[in-house]
Amino acid sequence: MDDESLIRNSLKQGERDFIDLYKLNNKIRYESKNTEILQWLRIQKDEFSVMKENVKLYLGNIGNIAGFLKREDLTGDSAGLGLVLTELIAQGKLENHITFGVTGAINSTGDVREIGMVKEKILIAEKMGFPYIIIPTDNLEDANEIKKKEKLTIEIIDVKNVDEAIRLVGKLNN
């Protein structure tokens, strides 16, 4: 369908939540299909599997988040930073008494990597009433534009690695 207003109206009439619409092009379609084929042939791992390996390699002990990592109904890698912080809090290695949003993919050494759908994640954090959201530094420019355009009140804080996120959580709690 090419008529954006028709799509938006049909979604509103069906009372379905949506945040944004993206126009697909052949490049996006073929990249998606190629990725799916490579994953099906086990030549390329899906993002969730890569995230799971990176979190395990970074933390070593994943006792408290093991159940989440065993799930097979999830996709994407943007939960990596949140899972690491959650496990560190559960292990008593990080103290936290505040509510905040967090998103970010990580590699095995704890570097925080860019994520997709940053607009949706920020809007959800704002809607949930979080005072802060921690995001990858690589997403900061887009995030600030979204905050300004949508007139959001949430404070957006960027980090480059897990150690920086740990220091940030400590600072926010003081």
Protein backbone atom coordinates (compact mmCIF):
# COMPACT_ATOMS: atom_id res chain seq x y z
CA MET A 1 0.00 0.00 0.00
CA ASP A 2 1.30 3.44 -0.89
CA ASP A 3 -1.31 5.72 0.70
CA GLU A 4 0.07 6.48 4.16
CA SER A 5 -3.09 8.24 5.36
CA LEU A 6 -5.18 5.21 4.36
CA ILE A 7 -2.88 2.92 6.35
CA ARG A 8 -2.92 5.19 9.41
CA ASN A 9 -6.72 5.54 9.32
CA SER A 10 -7.25 1.78 9.00
CA LEU A 11 -4.97 1.14 11.98
CA LYS A 12 -6.74 3.79 14.07
CA GLN A 13 -10.17 2.40 13.20
CA GLY A 14 -9.05 -1.06 14.26
CA GLU A 15 -7.74 0.50 17.47
CA ARG A 16 -4.30 -0.96 16.87
CA ASP A 17 -1.29 0.73 18.40
CA PHE A 18 1.43 1.82 16.03
CA ILE A 19 4.26 4.24 16.43
CA ASP A 20 5.57 4.85 12.96
CA LEU A 21 5.37 3.59 9.40
CA TYR A 22 8.37 2.87 7.22
CA LYS A 23 8.35 2.57 3.48
CA LEU A 24 10.00 -0.64 2.32
CA ASN A 25 12.21 -0.72 -0.71
CA ASN A 26 13.80 -3.59 -2.61
CA LYS A 27 17.11 -3.20 -0.78
CA ILE A 28 15.40 -3.67 2.60
CA ARG A 29 13.36 -6.63 1.30
CA TYR A 30 16.37 -8.43 -0.16
CA GLU A 31 18.58 -7.79 2.87
CA SER A 32 15.84 -9.23 5.07
CA LYS A 33 15.35 -12.27 2.84
CA ASN A 34 19.09 -12.87 2.53
CA THR A 35 19.54 -12.64 6.29
CA GLU A 36 16.70 -15.11 6.82
CA ILE A 37 18.19 -17.56 4.30
CA LEU A 38 21.66 -17.31 5.88
CA GLN A 39 20.17 -17.92 9.32
CA TRP A 40 18.10 -20.84 8.04
CA LEU A 41 21.26 -22.39 6.54
CA ARG A 42 23.03 -21.70 9.86
CA ILE A 43 25.65 -19.59 8.07
CA GLN A 44 24.67 -16.50 10.06
CA LYS A 45 23.31 -16.33 13.61
CA ASP A 46 20.22 -14.29 14.45
CA GLU A 47 20.67 -11.11 16.51
CA PHE A 48 19.17 -12.62 19.68
CA SER A 49 21.62 -15.55 19.60
CA VAL A 50 24.56 -13.20 19.11
CA MET A 51 23.32 -11.00 21.97
CA LYS A 52 22.94 -14.06 24.20
CA GLU A 53 26.53 -15.15 23.50
CA ASN A 54 27.88 -11.64 24.10
CA VAL A 55 26.05 -11.30 27.42
CA LYS A 56 27.32 -14.72 28.56
CA LEU A 57 30.89 -13.92 27.50
CA TYR A 58 30.82 -10.54 29.21
CA LEU A 59 29.25 -11.68 32.49
CA GLY A 60 30.35 -15.28 32.86
CA ASN A 61 27.71 -16.01 35.52
CA ILE A 62 24.16 -15.45 34.21
CA GLY A 63 22.13 -17.23 36.86
CA ASN A 64 19.43 -14.60 37.30
CA ILE A 65 18.81 -13.88 33.61
CA ALA A 66 19.25 -17.45 32.33
CA GLY A 67 15.48 -17.93 31.96
CA PHE A 68 15.20 -14.87 29.74
CA LEU A 69 18.11 -16.01 27.59
CA LYS A 70 16.52 -19.46 27.09
CA ARG A 71 13.43 -17.96 25.46
CA GLU A 72 12.97 -18.76 21.80
CA ASP A 73 10.21 -16.26 21.06
CA LEU A 74 12.40 -13.14 21.10
CA THR A 75 14.35 -11.32 18.42
CA GLY A 76 16.90 -8.53 18.29
CA ASP A 77 19.92 -7.61 20.34
CA SER A 78 18.93 -4.38 22.08
CA ALA A 79 18.27 -6.06 25.45
CA GLY A 80 21.98 -6.78 25.96
CA LEU A 81 22.86 -3.77 28.10
CA GLY A 82 19.68 -4.08 30.15
CA LEU A 83 20.34 -7.76 30.81
CA VAL A 84 23.92 -7.10 31.94
CA LEU A 85 22.78 -4.37 34.34
CA THR A 86 19.94 -6.56 35.62
CA GLU A 87 22.32 -9.44 36.35
CA LEU A 88 24.84 -7.16 38.08
CA ILE A 89 22.06 -5.75 40.29
CA ALA A 90 20.77 -9.26 41.09
CA GLN A 91 24.31 -10.39 42.00
CA GLY A 92 24.71 -7.40 44.35
CA LYS A 93 27.54 -5.94 42.26
CA LEU A 94 25.51 -2.87 41.36
CA GLU A 95 23.07 -1.03 43.60
CA ASN A 96 19.96 0.55 42.12
CA HIS A 97 16.86 2.10 43.68
CA ILE A 98 15.46 4.09 40.76
CA THR A 99 13.43 3.27 37.69
CA PHE A 100 14.88 3.94 34.26
CA GLY A 101 14.71 2.65 30.72
CA VAL A 102 17.72 1.09 29.07
CA THR A 103 18.46 -0.20 25.61
CA GLY A 104 21.62 -1.16 23.82
CA ALA A 105 23.33 -4.04 22.11
CA ILE A 106 26.68 -5.09 23.55
CA ASN A 107 29.66 -6.99 22.24
CA SER A 108 31.59 -9.56 24.26
CA THR A 109 33.91 -6.92 25.74
CA GLY A 110 31.08 -4.68 26.96
CA ASP A 111 31.08 -2.02 24.25
CA VAL A 112 27.55 -0.69 23.72
CA ARG A 113 26.48 -0.76 20.08
CA GLU A 114 23.78 1.07 18.15
CA ILE A 115 20.24 -0.30 18.17
CA GLY A 116 17.27 0.01 15.85
CA MET A 117 13.84 1.44 16.55
CA VAL A 118 15.19 4.02 18.98
CA LYS A 119 12.14 6.24 18.48
CA GLU A 120 9.76 3.52 19.58
CA LYS A 121 11.87 2.66 22.62
CA ILE A 122 12.10 6.27 23.77
CA LEU A 123 8.37 6.83 23.29
CA ILE A 124 7.58 3.70 25.29
CA ALA A 125 9.93 4.77 28.12
CA GLU A 126 8.27 8.21 28.16
CA LYS A 127 4.80 6.63 28.20
CA MET A 128 5.85 4.37 31.10
CA GLY A 129 6.88 7.49 33.05
CA PHE A 130 10.59 6.71 33.27
CA PRO A 131 12.61 9.78 34.22
CA TYR A 132 15.66 8.51 32.27
CA ILE A 133 16.56 6.24 29.40
CA ILE A 134 20.08 4.98 28.82
CA ILE A 135 20.92 4.50 25.15
CA PRO A 136 24.00 3.80 22.99
CA THR A 137 26.08 6.87 22.14
CA ASP A 138 25.66 6.00 18.45
CA ASN A 139 21.91 6.62 18.80
CA LEU A 140 22.18 9.94 20.67
CA GLU A 141 21.78 12.31 17.72
CA ASP A 142 18.57 10.60 16.55
CA ALA A 143 17.31 10.36 20.13
CA ASN A 144 17.74 14.06 20.75
CA GLU A 145 15.89 14.89 17.52
CA ILE A 146 13.05 12.57 18.56
CA LYS A 147 12.89 14.15 22.04
CA LYS A 148 12.67 17.64 20.53
CA LYS A 149 10.17 16.73 17.80
CA GLU A 150 7.89 14.77 20.14
CA LYS A 151 8.31 17.30 23.02
CA LEU A 152 9.34 14.61 25.50
CA THR A 153 10.39 15.16 29.11
CA ILE A 154 12.47 12.00 29.58
CA GLU A 155 16.20 12.59 30.08
CA ILE A 156 18.22 10.74 27.45
CA ILE A 157 21.66 9.61 28.61
CA ASP A 158 24.15 7.90 26.32
CA VAL A 159 26.88 5.39 27.13
CA LYS A 160 29.71 3.84 25.13
CA ASN A 161 30.29 0.75 27.26
CA VAL A 162 28.99 -1.24 30.21
CA ASP A 163 31.49 0.30 32.65
CA GLU A 164 30.18 3.76 31.77
CA ALA A 165 26.60 2.53 32.29
CA ILE A 166 27.54 1.11 35.71
CA ARG A 167 29.07 4.43 36.79
CA LEU A 168 26.00 6.25 35.46
CA VAL A 169 23.57 4.07 37.44
CA GLY A 170 25.65 4.69 40.55
CA LYS A 171 25.62 8.42 39.94
CA LEU A 172 21.84 8.50 39.30
CA ASN A 173 21.28 6.66 42.58
CA ASN A 174 23.26 9.23 44.56
